[in-house]
């Protein structure tokens, strides 16, 4: 397990909702739906490693590495 600190933001109030963008995108992919979601949820959006403002970490990395990054963020 070698998680990295991903770049993220938290907005809104209510139950937590993590939004994960697709490969090749970044957390701003949610910019159009975010205003509605933050009315009912605490929305956490983040950049996967190697995307947006997050570092690449050590290459190559696997799906398990991405899951470890999410779990690290979830525990904050």
PDB file of N, CA and C in Angstrom:
ATOM      1  N   UNK A   1       0.848  -1.178   0.000  1.00  0.00           N
ATOM      2  CA  UNK A   1       0.000   0.000   0.000  1.00  0.00           C
ATOM      3  C   UNK A   1       0.890   1.237   0.000  1.00  0.00           C
ATOM      4  N   UNK A   2       0.721   2.076  -1.006  1.00  0.00           N
ATOM      5  CA  UNK A   2       1.534   3.277  -1.148  1.00  0.00           C
ATOM      6  C   UNK A   2       0.646   4.443  -1.588  1.00  0.00           C
ATOM      7  N   UNK A   3      -0.325   4.848  -0.721  1.00  0.00           N
ATOM      8  CA  UNK A   3      -1.239   5.915  -1.123  1.00  0.00           C
ATOM      9  C   UNK A   3      -0.534   7.257  -1.237  1.00  0.00           C
ATOM     10  N   UNK A   4      -1.105   8.127  -2.063  1.00  0.00           N
ATOM     11  CA  UNK A   4      -0.611   9.494  -2.172  1.00  0.00           C
ATOM     12  C   UNK A   4      -1.689  10.429  -1.637  1.00  0.00           C
ATOM     13  N   UNK A   5      -1.310  11.659  -1.323  1.00  0.00           N
ATOM     14  CA  UNK A   5      -2.282  12.669  -0.931  1.00  0.00           C
ATOM     15  C   UNK A   5      -2.839  13.290  -2.202  1.00  0.00           C
ATOM     16  N   UNK A   6      -4.085  12.991  -2.488  1.00  0.00           N
ATOM     17  CA  UNK A   6      -4.739  13.517  -3.682  1.00  0.00           C
ATOM     18  C   UNK A   6      -5.279  14.916  -3.414  1.00  0.00           C
ATOM     19  N   UNK A   7      -5.320  15.723  -4.451  1.00  0.00           N
ATOM     20  CA  UNK A   7      -5.920  17.046  -4.374  1.00  0.00           C
ATOM     21  C   UNK A   7      -7.435  16.870  -4.329  1.00  0.00           C
ATOM     22  N   UNK A   8      -8.095  17.534  -3.377  1.00  0.00           N
ATOM     23  CA  UNK A   8      -9.531  17.342  -3.213  1.00  0.00           C
ATOM     24  C   UNK A   8     -10.201  18.613  -2.703  1.00  0.00           C
ATOM     25  N   UNK A   9     -11.534  18.622  -2.765  1.00  0.00           N
ATOM     26  CA  UNK A   9     -12.315  19.702  -2.161  1.00  0.00           C
ATOM     27  C   UNK A   9     -13.586  19.105  -1.577  1.00  0.00           C
ATOM     28  N   UNK A  10     -14.112  19.795  -0.553  1.00  0.00           N
ATOM     29  CA  UNK A  10     -15.319  19.358   0.144  1.00  0.00           C
ATOM     30  C   UNK A  10     -16.280  20.531   0.184  1.00  0.00           C
ATOM     31  N   UNK A  11     -17.534  20.287  -0.218  1.00  0.00           N
ATOM     32  CA  UNK A  11     -18.563  21.326  -0.201  1.00  0.00           C
ATOM     33  C   UNK A  11     -19.887  20.727   0.224  1.00  0.00           C
ATOM     34  N   UNK A  12     -20.739  21.561   0.812  1.00  0.00           N
ATOM     35  CA  UNK A  12     -22.095  21.170   1.139  1.00  0.00           C
ATOM     36  C   UNK A  12     -22.262  20.636   2.540  1.00  0.00           C
ATOM     37  N   UNK A  13     -23.502  20.227   2.829  1.00  0.00           N
ATOM     38  CA  UNK A  13     -23.856  19.655   4.128  1.00  0.00           C
ATOM     39  C   UNK A  13     -24.773  18.475   3.903  1.00  0.00           C
ATOM     40  N   UNK A  14     -24.660  17.492   4.764  1.00  0.00           N
ATOM     41  CA  UNK A  14     -25.491  16.300   4.661  1.00  0.00           C
ATOM     42  C   UNK A  14     -24.624  15.060   4.583  1.00  0.00           C
ATOM     43  N   UNK A  15     -25.210  13.932   4.204  1.00  0.00           N
ATOM     44  CA  UNK A  15     -24.434  12.690   4.105  1.00  0.00           C
ATOM     45  C   UNK A  15     -23.296  12.842   3.087  1.00  0.00           C
ATOM     46  N   UNK A  16     -22.208  12.160   3.365  1.00  0.00           N
ATOM     47  CA  UNK A  16     -21.035  12.248   2.486  1.00  0.00           C
ATOM     48  C   UNK A  16     -21.283  11.541   1.157  1.00  0.00           C
ATOM     49  N   UNK A  17     -20.829  12.180   0.089  1.00  0.00           N
ATOM     50  CA  UNK A  17     -20.926  11.636  -1.253  1.00  0.00           C
ATOM     51  C   UNK A  17     -19.586  11.874  -1.950  1.00  0.00           C
ATOM     52  N   UNK A  18     -18.882  10.798  -2.277  1.00  0.00           N
ATOM     53  CA  UNK A  18     -17.612  10.895  -2.989  1.00  0.00           C
ATOM     54  C   UNK A  18     -17.881  10.786  -4.481  1.00  0.00           C
ATOM     55  N   UNK A  19     -17.349  11.731  -5.246  1.00  0.00           N
ATOM     56  CA  UNK A  19     -17.476  11.701  -6.697  1.00  0.00           C
ATOM     57  C   UNK A  19     -16.102  11.431  -7.290  1.00  0.00           C
ATOM     58  N   UNK A  20     -16.024  10.408  -8.122  1.00  0.00           N
ATOM     59  CA  UNK A  20     -14.755   9.996  -8.720  1.00  0.00           C
ATOM     60  C   UNK A  20     -14.869  10.144 -10.234  1.00  0.00           C
ATOM     61  N   UNK A  21     -14.017  10.959 -10.801  1.00  0.00           N
ATOM     62  CA  UNK A  21     -14.049  11.183 -12.247  1.00  0.00           C
ATOM     63  C   UNK A  21     -13.453   9.995 -12.996  1.00  0.00           C
ATOM     64  N   UNK A  22     -13.675   9.967 -14.291  1.00  0.00           N
ATOM     65  CA  UNK A  22     -13.130   8.914 -15.134  1.00  0.00           C
ATOM     66  C   UNK A  22     -11.659   9.138 -15.455  1.00  0.00           C
ATOM     67  N   UNK A  23     -11.020   8.097 -15.953  1.00  0.00           N
ATOM     68  CA  UNK A  23      -9.618   8.191 -16.354  1.00  0.00           C
ATOM     69  C   UNK A  23      -9.496   9.225 -17.479  1.00  0.00           C
ATOM     70  N   UNK A  24      -8.523  10.097 -17.343  1.00  0.00           N
ATOM     71  CA  UNK A  24      -8.291  11.138 -18.341  1.00  0.00           C
ATOM     72  C   UNK A  24      -9.015  12.443 -18.033  1.00  0.00           C
ATOM     73  N   UNK A  25      -9.823  12.476 -16.987  1.00  0.00           N
ATOM     74  CA  UNK A  25     -10.557  13.688 -16.603  1.00  0.00           C
ATOM     75  C   UNK A  25      -9.949  14.258 -15.320  1.00  0.00           C
ATOM     76  N   UNK A  26     -10.656  15.122 -14.654  1.00  0.00           N
ATOM     77  CA  UNK A  26     -10.232  15.700 -13.381  1.00  0.00           C
ATOM     78  C   UNK A  26     -11.485  16.024 -12.571  1.00  0.00           C
ATOM     79  N   UNK A  27     -11.278  16.425 -11.321  1.00  0.00           N
ATOM     80  CA  UNK A  27     -12.426  16.641 -10.438  1.00  0.00           C
ATOM     81  C   UNK A  27     -13.359  17.740 -10.926  1.00  0.00           C
ATOM     82  N   UNK A  28     -12.904  18.633 -11.783  1.00  0.00           N
ATOM     83  CA  UNK A  28     -13.799  19.681 -12.291  1.00  0.00           C
ATOM     84  C   UNK A  28     -14.840  19.112 -13.266  1.00  0.00           C
ATOM     85  N   UNK A  29     -14.758  17.835 -13.587  1.00  0.00           N
ATOM     86  CA  UNK A  29     -15.771  17.196 -14.430  1.00  0.00           C
ATOM     87  C   UNK A  29     -17.154  17.267 -13.782  1.00  0.00           C
ATOM     88  N   UNK A  30     -17.193  17.465 -12.468  1.00  0.00           N
ATOM     89  CA  UNK A  30     -18.450  17.507 -11.722  1.00  0.00           C
ATOM     90  C   UNK A  30     -19.001  18.925 -11.562  1.00  0.00           C
ATOM     91  N   UNK A  31     -18.387  19.910 -12.176  1.00  0.00           N
ATOM     92  CA  UNK A  31     -18.736  21.314 -11.935  1.00  0.00           C
ATOM     93  C   UNK A  31     -20.185  21.662 -12.237  1.00  0.00           C
ATOM     94  N   UNK A  32     -20.812  20.965 -13.162  1.00  0.00           N
ATOM     95  CA  UNK A  32     -22.192  21.300 -13.523  1.00  0.00           C
ATOM     96  C   UNK A  32     -23.234  20.677 -12.587  1.00  0.00           C
ATOM     97  N   UNK A  33     -22.935  19.529 -12.005  1.00  0.00           N
ATOM     98  CA  UNK A  33     -23.882  18.892 -11.095  1.00  0.00           C
ATOM     99  C   UNK A  33     -23.626  19.241  -9.632  1.00  0.00           C
ATOM    100  N   UNK A  34     -22.426  19.722  -9.339  1.00  0.00           N
ATOM    101  CA  UNK A  34     -22.050  20.037  -7.963  1.00  0.00           C
ATOM    102  C   UNK A  34     -22.999  21.021  -7.283  1.00  0.00           C
ATOM    103  N   UNK A  35     -23.419  22.119  -7.930  1.00  0.00           N
ATOM    104  CA  UNK A  35     -24.316  23.060  -7.256  1.00  0.00           C
ATOM    105  C   UNK A  35     -25.612  22.419  -6.741  1.00  0.00           C
ATOM    106  N   UNK A  36     -26.137  21.442  -7.445  1.00  0.00           N
ATOM    107  CA  UNK A  36     -27.357  20.766  -6.984  1.00  0.00           C
ATOM    108  C   UNK A  36     -27.051  19.760  -5.878  1.00  0.00           C
ATOM    109  N   UNK A  37     -25.955  19.026  -6.016  1.00  0.00           N
ATOM    110  CA  UNK A  37     -25.623  17.992  -5.036  1.00  0.00           C
ATOM    111  C   UNK A  37     -25.283  18.565  -3.667  1.00  0.00           C
ATOM    112  N   UNK A  38     -24.621  19.723  -3.631  1.00  0.00           N
ATOM    113  CA  UNK A  38     -24.217  20.286  -2.333  1.00  0.00           C
ATOM    114  C   UNK A  38     -25.408  20.801  -1.528  1.00  0.00           C
ATOM    115  N   UNK A  39     -26.571  20.864  -2.129  1.00  0.00           N
ATOM    116  CA  UNK A  39     -27.772  21.263  -1.389  1.00  0.00           C
ATOM    117  C   UNK A  39     -28.212  20.169  -0.405  1.00  0.00           C
ATOM    118  N   UNK A  40     -27.867  18.916  -0.701  1.00  0.00           N
ATOM    119  CA  UNK A  40     -28.319  17.800   0.126  1.00  0.00           C
ATOM    120  C   UNK A  40     -27.199  16.912   0.660  1.00  0.00           C
ATOM    121  N   UNK A  41     -25.995  17.097   0.133  1.00  0.00           N
ATOM    122  CA  UNK A  41     -24.886  16.218   0.508  1.00  0.00           C
ATOM    123  C   UNK A  41     -23.624  17.009   0.819  1.00  0.00           C
ATOM    124  N   UNK A  42     -22.754  16.398   1.612  1.00  0.00           N
ATOM    125  CA  UNK A  42     -21.382  16.856   1.724  1.00  0.00           C
ATOM    126  C   UNK A  42     -20.641  16.146   0.605  1.00  0.00           C
ATOM    127  N   UNK A  43     -20.251  16.897  -0.410  1.00  0.00           N
ATOM    128  CA  UNK A  43     -19.679  16.298  -1.614  1.00  0.00           C
ATOM    129  C   UNK A  43     -18.156  16.425  -1.576  1.00  0.00           C
ATOM    130  N   UNK A  44     -17.498  15.301  -1.742  1.00  0.00           N
ATOM    131  CA  UNK A  44     -16.043  15.246  -1.788  1.00  0.00           C
ATOM    132  C   UNK A  44     -15.661  14.870  -3.216  1.00  0.00           C
ATOM    133  N   UNK A  45     -14.952  15.770  -3.884  1.00  0.00           N
ATOM    134  CA  UNK A  45     -14.445  15.492  -5.227  1.00  0.00           C
ATOM    135  C   UNK A  45     -12.921  15.527  -5.151  1.00  0.00           C
ATOM    136  N   UNK A  46     -12.281  14.659  -5.880  1.00  0.00           N
ATOM    137  CA  UNK A  46     -10.820  14.637  -5.849  1.00  0.00           C
ATOM    138  C   UNK A  46     -10.264  14.230  -7.200  1.00  0.00           C
ATOM    139  N   UNK A  47      -8.996  14.584  -7.391  1.00  0.00           N
ATOM    140  CA  UNK A  47      -8.278  14.198  -8.600  1.00  0.00           C
ATOM    141  C   UNK A  47      -7.573  12.869  -8.349  1.00  0.00           C
ATOM    142  N   UNK A  48      -7.870  11.884  -9.190  1.00  0.00           N
ATOM    143  CA  UNK A  48      -7.138  10.626  -9.112  1.00  0.00           C
ATOM    144  C   UNK A  48      -5.647  10.891  -9.295  1.00  0.00           C
ATOM    145  N   UNK A  49      -4.827  10.005  -8.798  1.00  0.00           N
ATOM    146  CA  UNK A  49      -3.383  10.183  -8.984  1.00  0.00           C
ATOM    147  C   UNK A  49      -3.074  10.275 -10.477  1.00  0.00           C
ATOM    148  N   UNK A  50      -2.178  11.204 -10.794  1.00  0.00           N
ATOM    149  CA  UNK A  50      -1.804  11.426 -12.186  1.00  0.00           C
ATOM    150  C   UNK A  50      -2.789  12.278 -12.959  1.00  0.00           C
ATOM    151  N   UNK A  51      -3.799  12.821 -12.301  1.00  0.00           N
ATOM    152  CA  UNK A  51      -4.818  13.643 -12.943  1.00  0.00           C
ATOM    153  C   UNK A  51      -4.935  14.978 -12.207  1.00  0.00           C
ATOM    154  N   UNK A  52      -5.355  16.011 -12.922  1.00  0.00           N
ATOM    155  CA  UNK A  52      -5.586  17.316 -12.294  1.00  0.00           C
ATOM    156  C   UNK A  52      -4.396  17.782 -11.477  1.00  0.00           C
ATOM    157  N   UNK A  53      -4.663  18.127 -10.215  1.00  0.00           N
ATOM    158  CA  UNK A  53      -3.622  18.650  -9.330  1.00  0.00           C
ATOM    159  C   UNK A  53      -2.966  17.590  -8.448  1.00  0.00           C
ATOM    160  N   UNK A  54      -3.320  16.325  -8.615  1.00  0.00           N
ATOM    161  CA  UNK A  54      -2.697  15.257  -7.823  1.00  0.00           C
ATOM    162  C   UNK A  54      -1.403  14.805  -8.489  1.00  0.00           C
ATOM    163  N   UNK A  55      -0.465  14.367  -7.647  1.00  0.00           N
ATOM    164  CA  UNK A  55       0.803  13.886  -8.204  1.00  0.00           C
ATOM    165  C   UNK A  55       0.614  12.514  -8.846  1.00  0.00           C
ATOM    166  N   UNK A  56       1.575  12.108  -9.634  1.00  0.00           N
ATOM    167  CA  UNK A  56       1.516  10.800 -10.280  1.00  0.00           C
ATOM    168  C   UNK A  56       1.867   9.675  -9.324  1.00  0.00           C
ATOM    169  N   UNK A  57       2.650   9.981  -8.304  1.00  0.00           N
ATOM    170  CA  UNK A  57       3.133   8.909  -7.450  1.00  0.00           C
ATOM    171  C   UNK A  57       4.154   8.084  -8.207  1.00  0.00           C
ATOM    172  N   UNK A  58       4.377   6.883  -7.746  1.00  0.00           N
ATOM    173  CA  UNK A  58       5.351   5.989  -8.366  1.00  0.00           C
ATOM    174  C   UNK A  58       4.656   5.183  -9.459  1.00  0.00           C
ATOM    175  N   UNK A  59       5.197   5.263 -10.663  1.00  0.00           N
ATOM    176  CA  UNK A  59       4.639   4.510 -11.789  1.00  0.00           C
ATOM    177  C   UNK A  59       5.287   3.142 -11.877  1.00  0.00           C
ATOM    178  N   UNK A  60       4.669   2.129 -12.383  1.00  0.00           N
ATOM    179  CA  UNK A  60       3.255   2.096 -12.745  1.00  0.00           C
ATOM    180  C   UNK A  60       2.413   1.916 -11.490  1.00  0.00           C
ATOM    181  N   UNK A  61       1.136   2.226 -11.592  1.00  0.00           N
ATOM    182  CA  UNK A  61       0.231   1.983 -10.476  1.00  0.00           C
ATOM    183  C   UNK A  61      -0.994   1.236 -10.964  1.00  0.00           C
ATOM    184  N   UNK A  62      -1.707   0.669  -9.997  1.00  0.00           N
ATOM    185  CA  UNK A  62      -2.798  -0.243 -10.315  1.00  0.00           C
ATOM    186  C   UNK A  62      -4.131   0.294  -9.787  1.00  0.00           C
ATOM    187  N   UNK A  63      -5.183  -0.410 -10.093  1.00  0.00           N
ATOM    188  CA  UNK A  63      -6.497  -0.079  -9.560  1.00  0.00           C
ATOM    189  C   UNK A  63      -6.458  -0.123  -8.033  1.00  0.00           C
ATOM    190  N   UNK A  64      -5.737  -1.069  -7.483  1.00  0.00           N
ATOM    191  CA  UNK A  64      -5.605  -1.157  -6.024  1.00  0.00           C
ATOM    192  C   UNK A  64      -4.972   0.109  -5.452  1.00  0.00           C
ATOM    193  N   UNK A  65      -4.005   0.685  -6.144  1.00  0.00           N
ATOM    194  CA  UNK A  65      -3.395   1.945  -5.689  1.00  0.00           C
ATOM    195  C   UNK A  65      -4.436   3.059  -5.658  1.00  0.00           C
ATOM    196  N   UNK A  66      -5.300   3.119  -6.669  1.00  0.00           N
ATOM    197  CA  UNK A  66      -6.348   4.138  -6.705  1.00  0.00           C
ATOM    198  C   UNK A  66      -7.338   3.938  -5.565  1.00  0.00           C
ATOM    199  N   UNK A  67      -7.650   2.696  -5.249  1.00  0.00           N
ATOM    200  CA  UNK A  67      -8.535   2.387  -4.129  1.00  0.00           C
ATOM    201  C   UNK A  67      -7.872   2.803  -2.815  1.00  0.00           C
ATOM    202  N   UNK A  68      -6.592   2.549  -2.671  1.00  0.00           N
ATOM    203  CA  UNK A  68      -5.860   2.960  -1.464  1.00  0.00           C
ATOM    204  C   UNK A  68      -5.884   4.476  -1.297  1.00  0.00           C
ATOM    205  N   UNK A  69      -5.754   5.208  -2.400  1.00  0.00           N
ATOM    206  CA  UNK A  69      -5.820   6.677  -2.338  1.00  0.00           C
ATOM    207  C   UNK A  69      -7.190   7.129  -1.829  1.00  0.00           C
ATOM    208  N   UNK A  70      -8.252   6.522  -2.355  1.00  0.00           N
ATOM    209  CA  UNK A  70      -9.607   6.865  -1.919  1.00  0.00           C
ATOM    210  C   UNK A  70      -9.792   6.546  -0.441  1.00  0.00           C
ATOM    211  N   UNK A  71      -9.329   5.401   0.002  1.00  0.00           N
ATOM    212  CA  UNK A  71      -9.467   5.020   1.399  1.00  0.00           C
ATOM    213  C   UNK A  71      -8.712   5.995   2.303  1.00  0.00           C
ATOM    214  N   UNK A  72      -7.541   6.432   1.880  1.00  0.00           N
ATOM    215  CA  UNK A  72      -6.771   7.411   2.659  1.00  0.00           C
ATOM    216  C   UNK A  72      -7.551   8.721   2.775  1.00  0.00           C
ATOM    217  N   UNK A  73      -8.133   9.161   1.683  1.00  0.00           N
ATOM    218  CA  UNK A  73      -8.939  10.378   1.695  1.00  0.00           C
ATOM    219  C   UNK A  73     -10.185  10.192   2.557  1.00  0.00           C
ATOM    220  N   UNK A  74     -10.823   9.053   2.460  1.00  0.00           N
ATOM    221  CA  UNK A  74     -12.031   8.779   3.228  1.00  0.00           C
ATOM    222  C   UNK A  74     -11.796   8.837   4.724  1.00  0.00           C
ATOM    223  N   UNK A  75     -10.611   8.479   5.163  1.00  0.00           N
ATOM    224  CA  UNK A  75     -10.284   8.454   6.587  1.00  0.00           C
ATOM    225  C   UNK A  75      -9.966   9.820   7.164  1.00  0.00           C
ATOM    226  N   UNK A  76      -9.851  10.846   6.310  1.00  0.00           N
ATOM    227  CA  UNK A  76      -9.519  12.202   6.801  1.00  0.00           C
ATOM    228  C   UNK A  76     -10.684  12.812   7.526  1.00  0.00           C
TER     229      UNK A  76
END
